[in-house]
Amino acid sequence: MLKHYNITAKGKVQGVWYRKSTQEKANEIGIKGFVKNQSDGSVYIEAEGNEDQLKSLLEWCAQGPQFAIVEDVSFTRGDIRSFEQFDILH
């Protein structure tokens, strides 16, 4: 069953390839949606997939890429938007 998560990652998550790495991970596990930087220094992700895919993405988000220092990852459930792919928004 398709689910939608709104995810926020906080910490040192900008300027460390977090968005690109998130896109690569999402594509690897079959997640659709987008990732973008927020003005407060966090990264915001909207992701759609099944429960296992989303759990895998959340676990990855808590680690992030090599130079990230993730302090917190939170999520809420949202309405399905039927994304076609996983994009990086600017």
PDB file of N, CA and C in Angstrom:
ATOM      1  N   MET A   1       0.833  -1.192   0.000  1.00  0.00           N
ATOM      2  CA  MET A   1       0.000   0.000   0.000  1.00  0.00           C
ATOM      3  C   MET A   1       0.879   1.258   0.000  1.00  0.00           C
ATOM      4  N   LEU A   2       0.596   2.161  -0.908  1.00  0.00           N
ATOM      5  CA  LEU A   2       1.366   3.390  -1.054  1.00  0.00           C
ATOM      6  C   LEU A   2       1.085   4.338   0.108  1.00  0.00           C
ATOM      7  N   LYS A   3       2.175   4.901   0.654  1.00  0.00           N
ATOM      8  CA  LYS A   3       2.071   5.873   1.744  1.00  0.00           C
ATOM      9  C   LYS A   3       2.901   7.100   1.389  1.00  0.00           C
ATOM     10  N   HIS A   4       2.596   8.209   2.052  1.00  0.00           N
ATOM     11  CA  HIS A   4       3.290   9.476   1.821  1.00  0.00           C
ATOM     12  C   HIS A   4       3.844   9.973   3.153  1.00  0.00           C
ATOM     13  N   TYR A   5       5.145  10.267   3.177  1.00  0.00           N
ATOM     14  CA  TYR A   5       5.794  10.822   4.367  1.00  0.00           C
ATOM     15  C   TYR A   5       6.353  12.199   4.046  1.00  0.00           C
ATOM     16  N   ASN A   6       6.175  13.133   4.981  1.00  0.00           N
ATOM     17  CA  ASN A   6       6.844  14.432   4.967  1.00  0.00           C
ATOM     18  C   ASN A   6       7.968  14.322   5.997  1.00  0.00           C
ATOM     19  N   ILE A   7       9.208  14.392   5.540  1.00  0.00           N
ATOM     20  CA  ILE A   7      10.376  14.133   6.383  1.00  0.00           C
ATOM     21  C   ILE A   7      11.208  15.405   6.510  1.00  0.00           C
ATOM     22  N   THR A   8      11.686  15.690   7.718  1.00  0.00           N
ATOM     23  CA  THR A   8      12.598  16.804   7.943  1.00  0.00           C
ATOM     24  C   THR A   8      13.858  16.269   8.626  1.00  0.00           C
ATOM     25  N   ALA A   9      15.002  16.587   8.033  1.00  0.00           N
ATOM     26  CA  ALA A   9      16.297  16.215   8.611  1.00  0.00           C
ATOM     27  C   ALA A   9      16.992  17.494   9.077  1.00  0.00           C
ATOM     28  N   LYS A  10      17.479  17.476  10.325  1.00  0.00           N
ATOM     29  CA  LYS A  10      18.150  18.642  10.899  1.00  0.00           C
ATOM     30  C   LYS A  10      19.571  18.277  11.298  1.00  0.00           C
ATOM     31  N   GLY A  11      20.419  19.299  11.340  1.00  0.00           N
ATOM     32  CA  GLY A  11      21.823  19.124  11.686  1.00  0.00           C
ATOM     33  C   GLY A  11      22.668  19.734  10.589  1.00  0.00           C
ATOM     34  N   LYS A  12      23.849  19.168  10.364  1.00  0.00           N
ATOM     35  CA  LYS A  12      24.692  19.617   9.251  1.00  0.00           C
ATOM     36  C   LYS A  12      24.277  18.804   8.024  1.00  0.00           C
ATOM     37  N   VAL A  13      23.218  19.290   7.360  1.00  0.00           N
ATOM     38  CA  VAL A  13      22.637  18.544   6.248  1.00  0.00           C
ATOM     39  C   VAL A  13      22.610  19.351   4.945  1.00  0.00           C
ATOM     40  N   GLN A  14      23.133  20.563   4.986  1.00  0.00           N
ATOM     41  CA  GLN A  14      23.265  21.345   3.758  1.00  0.00           C
ATOM     42  C   GLN A  14      24.742  21.523   3.451  1.00  0.00           C
ATOM     43  N   GLY A  15      25.065  21.480   2.150  1.00  0.00           N
ATOM     44  CA  GLY A  15      26.456  21.639   1.729  1.00  0.00           C
ATOM     45  C   GLY A  15      27.282  20.374   1.902  1.00  0.00           C
ATOM     46  N   VAL A  16      26.610  19.230   2.082  1.00  0.00           N
ATOM     47  CA  VAL A  16      27.317  17.953   2.282  1.00  0.00           C
ATOM     48  C   VAL A  16      26.770  16.864   1.354  1.00  0.00           C
ATOM     49  N   TRP A  17      26.149  17.286   0.242  1.00  0.00           N
ATOM     50  CA  TRP A  17      25.593  16.366  -0.750  1.00  0.00           C
ATOM     51  C   TRP A  17      24.407  15.567  -0.217  1.00  0.00           C
ATOM     52  N   TYR A  18      23.708  16.092   0.767  1.00  0.00           N
ATOM     53  CA  TYR A  18      22.567  15.377   1.346  1.00  0.00           C
ATOM     54  C   TYR A  18      21.438  15.207   0.326  1.00  0.00           C
ATOM     55  N   ARG A  19      21.105  16.275  -0.406  1.00  0.00           N
ATOM     56  CA  ARG A  19      20.004  16.179  -1.372  1.00  0.00           C
ATOM     57  C   ARG A  19      20.316  15.173  -2.478  1.00  0.00           C
ATOM     58  N   LYS A  20      21.483  15.269  -3.064  1.00  0.00           N
ATOM     59  CA  LYS A  20      21.856  14.356  -4.151  1.00  0.00           C
ATOM     60  C   LYS A  20      21.913  12.915  -3.650  1.00  0.00           C
ATOM     61  N   SER A  21      22.475  12.712  -2.490  1.00  0.00           N
ATOM     62  CA  SER A  21      22.567  11.367  -1.917  1.00  0.00           C
ATOM     63  C   SER A  21      21.181  10.814  -1.588  1.00  0.00           C
ATOM     64  N   THR A  22      20.279  11.686  -1.125  1.00  0.00           N
ATOM     65  CA  THR A  22      18.904  11.257  -0.853  1.00  0.00           C
ATOM     66  C   THR A  22      18.224  10.835  -2.149  1.00  0.00           C
ATOM     67  N   GLN A  23      18.436  11.604  -3.199  1.00  0.00           N
ATOM     68  CA  GLN A  23      17.861  11.248  -4.498  1.00  0.00           C
ATOM     69  C   GLN A  23      18.382   9.887  -4.965  1.00  0.00           C
ATOM     70  N   GLU A  24      19.674   9.667  -4.839  1.00  0.00           N
ATOM     71  CA  GLU A  24      20.261   8.387  -5.252  1.00  0.00           C
ATOM     72  C   GLU A  24      19.679   7.230  -4.440  1.00  0.00           C
ATOM     73  N   LYS A  25      19.542   7.398  -3.129  1.00  0.00           N
ATOM     74  CA  LYS A  25      18.973   6.354  -2.274  1.00  0.00           C
ATOM     75  C   LYS A  25      17.509   6.107  -2.628  1.00  0.00           C
ATOM     76  N   ALA A  26      16.758   7.177  -2.823  1.00  0.00           N
ATOM     77  CA  ALA A  26      15.340   7.040  -3.174  1.00  0.00           C
ATOM     78  C   ALA A  26      15.187   6.272  -4.488  1.00  0.00           C
ATOM     79  N   ASN A  27      15.995   6.604  -5.472  1.00  0.00           N
ATOM     80  CA  ASN A  27      15.933   5.896  -6.757  1.00  0.00           C
ATOM     81  C   ASN A  27      16.311   4.430  -6.597  1.00  0.00           C
ATOM     82  N   GLU A  28      17.294   4.168  -5.752  1.00  0.00           N
ATOM     83  CA  GLU A  28      17.754   2.794  -5.511  1.00  0.00           C
ATOM     84  C   GLU A  28      16.643   1.924  -4.909  1.00  0.00           C
ATOM     85  N   ILE A  29      15.847   2.495  -4.009  1.00  0.00           N
ATOM     86  CA  ILE A  29      14.822   1.697  -3.327  1.00  0.00           C
ATOM     87  C   ILE A  29      13.414   1.895  -3.891  1.00  0.00           C
ATOM     88  N   GLY A  30      13.265   2.746  -4.920  1.00  0.00           N
ATOM     89  CA  GLY A  30      11.982   2.897  -5.594  1.00  0.00           C
ATOM     90  C   GLY A  30      11.036   3.924  -5.001  1.00  0.00           C
ATOM     91  N   ILE A  31      11.583   4.913  -4.300  1.00  0.00           N
ATOM     92  CA  ILE A  31      10.781   5.987  -3.710  1.00  0.00           C
ATOM     93  C   ILE A  31      10.583   7.100  -4.743  1.00  0.00           C
ATOM     94  N   LYS A  32       9.399   7.687  -4.748  1.00  0.00           N
ATOM     95  CA  LYS A  32       9.091   8.854  -5.581  1.00  0.00           C
ATOM     96  C   LYS A  32       8.864  10.045  -4.665  1.00  0.00           C
ATOM     97  N   GLY A  33       9.158  11.264  -5.159  1.00  0.00           N
ATOM     98  CA  GLY A  33       8.929  12.461  -4.361  1.00  0.00           C
ATOM     99  C   GLY A  33       9.941  13.538  -4.677  1.00  0.00           C
ATOM    100  N   PHE A  34      10.374  14.271  -3.638  1.00  0.00           N
ATOM    101  CA  PHE A  34      11.372  15.322  -3.837  1.00  0.00           C
ATOM    102  C   PHE A  34      12.115  15.608  -2.539  1.00  0.00           C
ATOM    103  N   VAL A  35      13.230  16.306  -2.692  1.00  0.00           N
ATOM    104  CA  VAL A  35      14.037  16.766  -1.564  1.00  0.00           C
ATOM    105  C   VAL A  35      14.431  18.208  -1.837  1.00  0.00           C
ATOM    106  N   LYS A  36      14.444  19.042  -0.782  1.00  0.00           N
ATOM    107  CA  LYS A  36      14.874  20.431  -0.961  1.00  0.00           C
ATOM    108  C   LYS A  36      15.438  20.976   0.339  1.00  0.00           C
ATOM    109  N   ASN A  37      16.326  21.961   0.206  1.00  0.00           N
ATOM    110  CA  ASN A  37      16.866  22.670   1.362  1.00  0.00           C
ATOM    111  C   ASN A  37      15.826  23.653   1.874  1.00  0.00           C
ATOM    112  N   GLN A  38      15.830  23.848   3.188  1.00  0.00           N
ATOM    113  CA  GLN A  38      14.963  24.832   3.816  1.00  0.00           C
ATOM    114  C   GLN A  38      15.815  26.015   4.282  1.00  0.00           C
ATOM    115  N   SER A  39      15.202  27.176   4.417  1.00  0.00           N
ATOM    116  CA  SER A  39      15.944  28.378   4.823  1.00  0.00           C
ATOM    117  C   SER A  39      16.496  28.275   6.242  1.00  0.00           C
ATOM    118  N   ASP A  40      15.941  27.381   7.066  1.00  0.00           N
ATOM    119  CA  ASP A  40      16.429  27.230   8.446  1.00  0.00           C
ATOM    120  C   ASP A  40      17.611  26.275   8.557  1.00  0.00           C
ATOM    121  N   GLY A  41      18.121  25.776   7.419  1.00  0.00           N
ATOM    122  CA  GLY A  41      19.273  24.878   7.435  1.00  0.00           C
ATOM    123  C   GLY A  41      18.911  23.402   7.413  1.00  0.00           C
ATOM    124  N   SER A  42      17.626  23.093   7.500  1.00  0.00           N
ATOM    125  CA  SER A  42      17.190  21.697   7.449  1.00  0.00           C
ATOM    126  C   SER A  42      16.973  21.264   5.992  1.00  0.00           C
ATOM    127  N   VAL A  43      16.697  19.987   5.822  1.00  0.00           N
ATOM    128  CA  VAL A  43      16.335  19.437   4.518  1.00  0.00           C
ATOM    129  C   VAL A  43      14.946  18.836   4.645  1.00  0.00           C
ATOM    130  N   TYR A  44      14.091  19.130   3.668  1.00  0.00           N
ATOM    131  CA  TYR A  44      12.705  18.662   3.660  1.00  0.00           C
ATOM    132  C   TYR A  44      12.517  17.673   2.516  1.00  0.00           C
ATOM    133  N   ILE A  45      11.865  16.567   2.818  1.00  0.00           N
ATOM    134  CA  ILE A  45      11.649  15.504   1.838  1.00  0.00           C
ATOM    135  C   ILE A  45      10.172  15.128   1.844  1.00  0.00           C
ATOM    136  N   GLU A  46       9.596  14.987   0.673  1.00  0.00           N
ATOM    137  CA  GLU A  46       8.292  14.338   0.540  1.00  0.00           C
ATOM    138  C   GLU A  46       8.551  13.054  -0.214  1.00  0.00           C
ATOM    139  N   ALA A  47       8.119  11.935   0.354  1.00  0.00           N
ATOM    140  CA  ALA A  47       8.446  10.622  -0.193  1.00  0.00           C
ATOM    141  C   ALA A  47       7.215   9.737  -0.231  1.00  0.00           C
ATOM    142  N   GLU A  48       7.080   8.984  -1.328  1.00  0.00           N
ATOM    143  CA  GLU A  48       5.992   8.028  -1.456  1.00  0.00           C
ATOM    144  C   GLU A  48       6.530   6.659  -1.817  1.00  0.00           C
ATOM    145  N   GLY A  49       6.030   5.660  -1.119  1.00  0.00           N
ATOM    146  CA  GLY A  49       6.425   4.283  -1.346  1.00  0.00           C
ATOM    147  C   GLY A  49       5.664   3.397  -0.381  1.00  0.00           C
ATOM    148  N   ASN A  50       6.026   2.126  -0.347  1.00  0.00           N
ATOM    149  CA  ASN A  50       5.378   1.247   0.626  1.00  0.00           C
ATOM    150  C   ASN A  50       6.079   1.393   1.983  1.00  0.00           C
ATOM    151  N   GLU A  51       5.537   0.745   2.994  1.00  0.00           N
ATOM    152  CA  GLU A  51       6.053   0.886   4.368  1.00  0.00           C
ATOM    153  C   GLU A  51       7.534   0.518   4.471  1.00  0.00           C
ATOM    154  N   ASP A  52       7.934  -0.590   3.844  1.00  0.00           N
ATOM    155  CA  ASP A  52       9.336  -1.023   3.906  1.00  0.00           C
ATOM    156  C   ASP A  52      10.265  -0.036   3.219  1.00  0.00           C
ATOM    157  N   GLN A  53       9.853   0.487   2.064  1.00  0.00           N
ATOM    158  CA  GLN A  53      10.671   1.466   1.348  1.00  0.00           C
ATOM    159  C   GLN A  53      10.849   2.729   2.180  1.00  0.00           C
ATOM    160  N   LEU A  54       9.763   3.210   2.768  1.00  0.00           N
ATOM    161  CA  LEU A  54       9.831   4.434   3.558  1.00  0.00           C
ATOM    162  C   LEU A  54      10.647   4.235   4.829  1.00  0.00           C
ATOM    163  N   LYS A  55      10.528   3.080   5.448  1.00  0.00           N
ATOM    164  CA  LYS A  55      11.338   2.782   6.631  1.00  0.00           C
ATOM    165  C   LYS A  55      12.823   2.792   6.270  1.00  0.00           C
ATOM    166  N   SER A  56      13.146   2.197   5.130  1.00  0.00           N
ATOM    167  CA  SER A  56      14.533   2.181   4.661  1.00  0.00           C
ATOM    168  C   SER A  56      15.042   3.594   4.405  1.00  0.00           C
ATOM    169  N   LEU A  57      14.210   4.441   3.798  1.00  0.00           N
ATOM    170  CA  LEU A  57      14.615   5.827   3.543  1.00  0.00           C
ATOM    171  C   LEU A  57      14.816   6.575   4.860  1.00  0.00           C
ATOM    172  N   LEU A  58      13.927   6.395   5.822  1.00  0.00           N
ATOM    173  CA  LEU A  58      14.078   7.063   7.122  1.00  0.00           C
ATOM    174  C   LEU A  58      15.376   6.646   7.810  1.00  0.00           C
ATOM    175  N   GLU A  59      15.695   5.367   7.754  1.00  0.00           N
ATOM    176  CA  GLU A  59      16.954   4.892   8.344  1.00  0.00           C
ATOM    177  C   GLU A  59      18.141   5.547   7.665  1.00  0.00           C
ATOM    178  N   TRP A  60      18.069   5.648   6.334  1.00  0.00           N
ATOM    179  CA  TRP A  60      19.172   6.289   5.606  1.00  0.00           C
ATOM    180  C   TRP A  60      19.264   7.768   5.982  1.00  0.00           C
ATOM    181  N   CYS A  61      18.118   8.452   6.057  1.00  0.00           N
ATOM    182  CA  CYS A  61      18.103   9.883   6.381  1.00  0.00           C
ATOM    183  C   CYS A  61      18.747  10.166   7.739  1.00  0.00           C
ATOM    184  N   ALA A  62      18.614   9.248   8.673  1.00  0.00           N
ATOM    185  CA  ALA A  62      19.199   9.423  10.003  1.00  0.00           C
ATOM    186  C   ALA A  62      20.723   9.360   9.961  1.00  0.00           C
ATOM    187  N   GLN A  63      21.272   8.707   8.946  1.00  0.00           N
ATOM    188  CA  GLN A  63      22.728   8.639   8.768  1.00  0.00           C
ATOM    189  C   GLN A  63      23.217   9.715   7.806  1.00  0.00           C
ATOM    190  N   GLY A  64      22.563   9.790   6.637  1.00  0.00           N
ATOM    191  CA  GLY A  64      22.947  10.754   5.612  1.00  0.00           C
ATOM    192  C   GLY A  64      24.252  10.374   4.946  1.00  0.00           C
ATOM    193  N   PRO A  65      24.728  11.240   4.056  1.00  0.00           N
ATOM    194  CA  PRO A  65      25.995  10.989   3.375  1.00  0.00           C
ATOM    195  C   PRO A  65      27.194  11.178   4.304  1.00  0.00           C
ATOM    196  N   GLN A  66      28.349  10.890   3.796  1.00  0.00           N
ATOM    197  CA  GLN A  66      29.582  10.830   4.590  1.00  0.00           C
ATOM    198  C   GLN A  66      29.835  12.054   5.472  1.00  0.00           C
ATOM    199  N   PHE A  67      29.652  13.259   4.956  1.00  0.00           N
ATOM    200  CA  PHE A  67      30.030  14.457   5.704  1.00  0.00           C
ATOM    201  C   PHE A  67      28.874  15.102   6.466  1.00  0.00           C
ATOM    202  N   ALA A  68      27.699  14.493   6.409  1.00  0.00           N
ATOM    203  CA  ALA A  68      26.545  15.025   7.150  1.00  0.00           C
ATOM    204  C   ALA A  68      26.664  14.676   8.638  1.00  0.00           C
ATOM    205  N   ILE A  69      26.108  15.540   9.460  1.00  0.00           N
ATOM    206  CA  ILE A  69      25.953  15.265  10.890  1.00  0.00           C
ATOM    207  C   ILE A  69      24.470  15.459  11.187  1.00  0.00           C
ATOM    208  N   VAL A  70      23.731  14.364  11.142  1.00  0.00           N
ATOM    209  CA  VAL A  70      22.279  14.419  11.311  1.00  0.00           C
ATOM    210  C   VAL A  70      21.962  14.395  12.803  1.00  0.00           C
ATOM    211  N   GLU A  71      21.281  15.430  13.258  1.00  0.00           N
ATOM    212  CA  GLU A  71      20.919  15.538  14.666  1.00  0.00           C
ATOM    213  C   GLU A  71      19.511  15.041  14.937  1.00  0.00           C
ATOM    214  N   ASP A  72      18.628  15.164  13.950  1.00  0.00           N
ATOM    215  CA  ASP A  72      17.230  14.760  14.159  1.00  0.00           C
ATOM    216  C   ASP A  72      16.552  14.505  12.819  1.00  0.00           C
ATOM    217  N   VAL A  73      15.730  13.466  12.760  1.00  0.00           N
ATOM    218  CA  VAL A  73      14.872  13.202  11.604  1.00  0.00           C
ATOM    219  C   VAL A  73      13.467  12.990  12.136  1.00  0.00           C
ATOM    220  N   SER A  74      12.525  13.744  11.610  1.00  0.00           N
ATOM    221  CA  SER A  74      11.126  13.589  12.005  1.00  0.00           C
ATOM    222  C   SER A  74      10.279  13.428  10.752  1.00  0.00           C
ATOM    223  N   PHE A  75       9.096  12.829  10.927  1.00  0.00           N
ATOM    224  CA  PHE A  75       8.203  12.695   9.782  1.00  0.00           C
ATOM    225  C   PHE A  75       6.755  12.713  10.224  1.00  0.00           C
ATOM    226  N   THR A  76       5.922  13.108   9.288  1.00  0.00           N
ATOM    227  CA  THR A  76       4.475  13.022   9.446  1.00  0.00           C
ATOM    228  C   THR A  76       3.930  12.356   8.197  1.00  0.00           C
ATOM    229  N   ARG A  77       2.780  11.747   8.331  1.00  0.00           N
ATOM    230  CA  ARG A  77       2.130  11.153   7.170  1.00  0.00           C
ATOM    231  C   ARG A  77       1.354  12.238   6.437  1.00  0.00           C
ATOM    232  N   GLY A  78       1.274  12.093   5.119  1.00  0.00           N
ATOM    233  CA  GLY A  78       0.553  13.070   4.316  1.00  0.00           C
ATOM    234  C   GLY A  78      -0.319  12.386   3.279  1.00  0.00           C
ATOM    235  N   ASP A  79      -0.945  13.199   2.458  1.00  0.00           N
ATOM    236  CA  ASP A  79      -1.812  12.694   1.397  1.00  0.00           C
ATOM    237  C   ASP A  79      -0.984  12.300   0.177  1.00  0.00           C
ATOM    238  N   ILE A  80      -1.390  11.238  -0.487  1.00  0.00           N
ATOM    239  CA  ILE A  80      -0.710  10.760  -1.691  1.00  0.00           C
ATOM    240  C   ILE A  80      -0.774  11.829  -2.774  1.00  0.00           C
ATOM    241  N   ARG A  81       0.372  12.099  -3.401  1.00  0.00           N
ATOM    242  CA  ARG A  81       0.444  13.091  -4.476  1.00  0.00           C
ATOM    243  C   ARG A  81       0.805  12.455  -5.813  1.00  0.00           C
ATOM    244  N   SER A  82       1.107  11.171  -5.814  1.00  0.00           N
ATOM    245  CA  SER A  82       1.409  10.419  -7.054  1.00  0.00           C
ATOM    246  C   SER A  82       2.553  11.038  -7.857  1.00  0.00           C
ATOM    247  N   PHE A  83       3.705  11.187  -7.193  1.00  0.00           N
ATOM    248  CA  PHE A  83       4.894  11.690  -7.872  1.00  0.00           C
ATOM    249  C   PHE A  83       5.322  10.719  -8.971  1.00  0.00           C
ATOM    250  N   GLU A  84       5.932  11.245 -10.026  1.00  0.00           N
ATOM    251  CA  GLU A  84       6.387  10.417 -11.148  1.00  0.00           C
ATOM    252  C   GLU A  84       7.829   9.939 -10.960  1.00  0.00           C
ATOM    253  N   GLN A  85       8.618  10.704 -10.203  1.00  0.00           N
ATOM    254  CA  GLN A  85      10.029  10.394  -9.997  1.00  0.00           C
ATOM    255  C   GLN A  85      10.476  11.046  -8.700  1.00  0.00           C
ATOM    256  N   PHE A  86      11.776  11.018  -8.426  1.00  0.00           N
ATOM    257  CA  PHE A  86      12.303  11.679  -7.235  1.00  0.00           C
ATOM    258  C   PHE A  86      13.201  12.819  -7.685  1.00  0.00           C
ATOM    259  N   ASP A  87      12.812  14.046  -7.344  1.00  0.00           N
ATOM    260  CA  ASP A  87      13.501  15.243  -7.818  1.00  0.00           C
ATOM    261  C   ASP A  87      14.220  15.979  -6.701  1.00  0.00           C
ATOM    262  N   ILE A  88      15.214  16.760  -7.098  1.00  0.00           N
ATOM    263  CA  ILE A  88      15.860  17.733  -6.213  1.00  0.00           C
ATOM    264  C   ILE A  88      15.265  19.085  -6.569  1.00  0.00           C
ATOM    265  N   LEU A  89      14.640  19.734  -5.596  1.00  0.00           N
ATOM    266  CA  LEU A  89      14.075  21.064  -5.830  1.00  0.00           C
ATOM    267  C   LEU A  89      15.025  22.120  -5.273  1.00  0.00           C
ATOM    268  N   HIS A  90      15.013  23.280  -5.913  1.00  0.00           N
ATOM    269  CA  HIS A  90      15.907  24.379  -5.499  1.00  0.00           C
ATOM    270  C   HIS A  90      15.105  25.562  -5.029  1.00  0.00           C
TER     271      HIS A  90
END
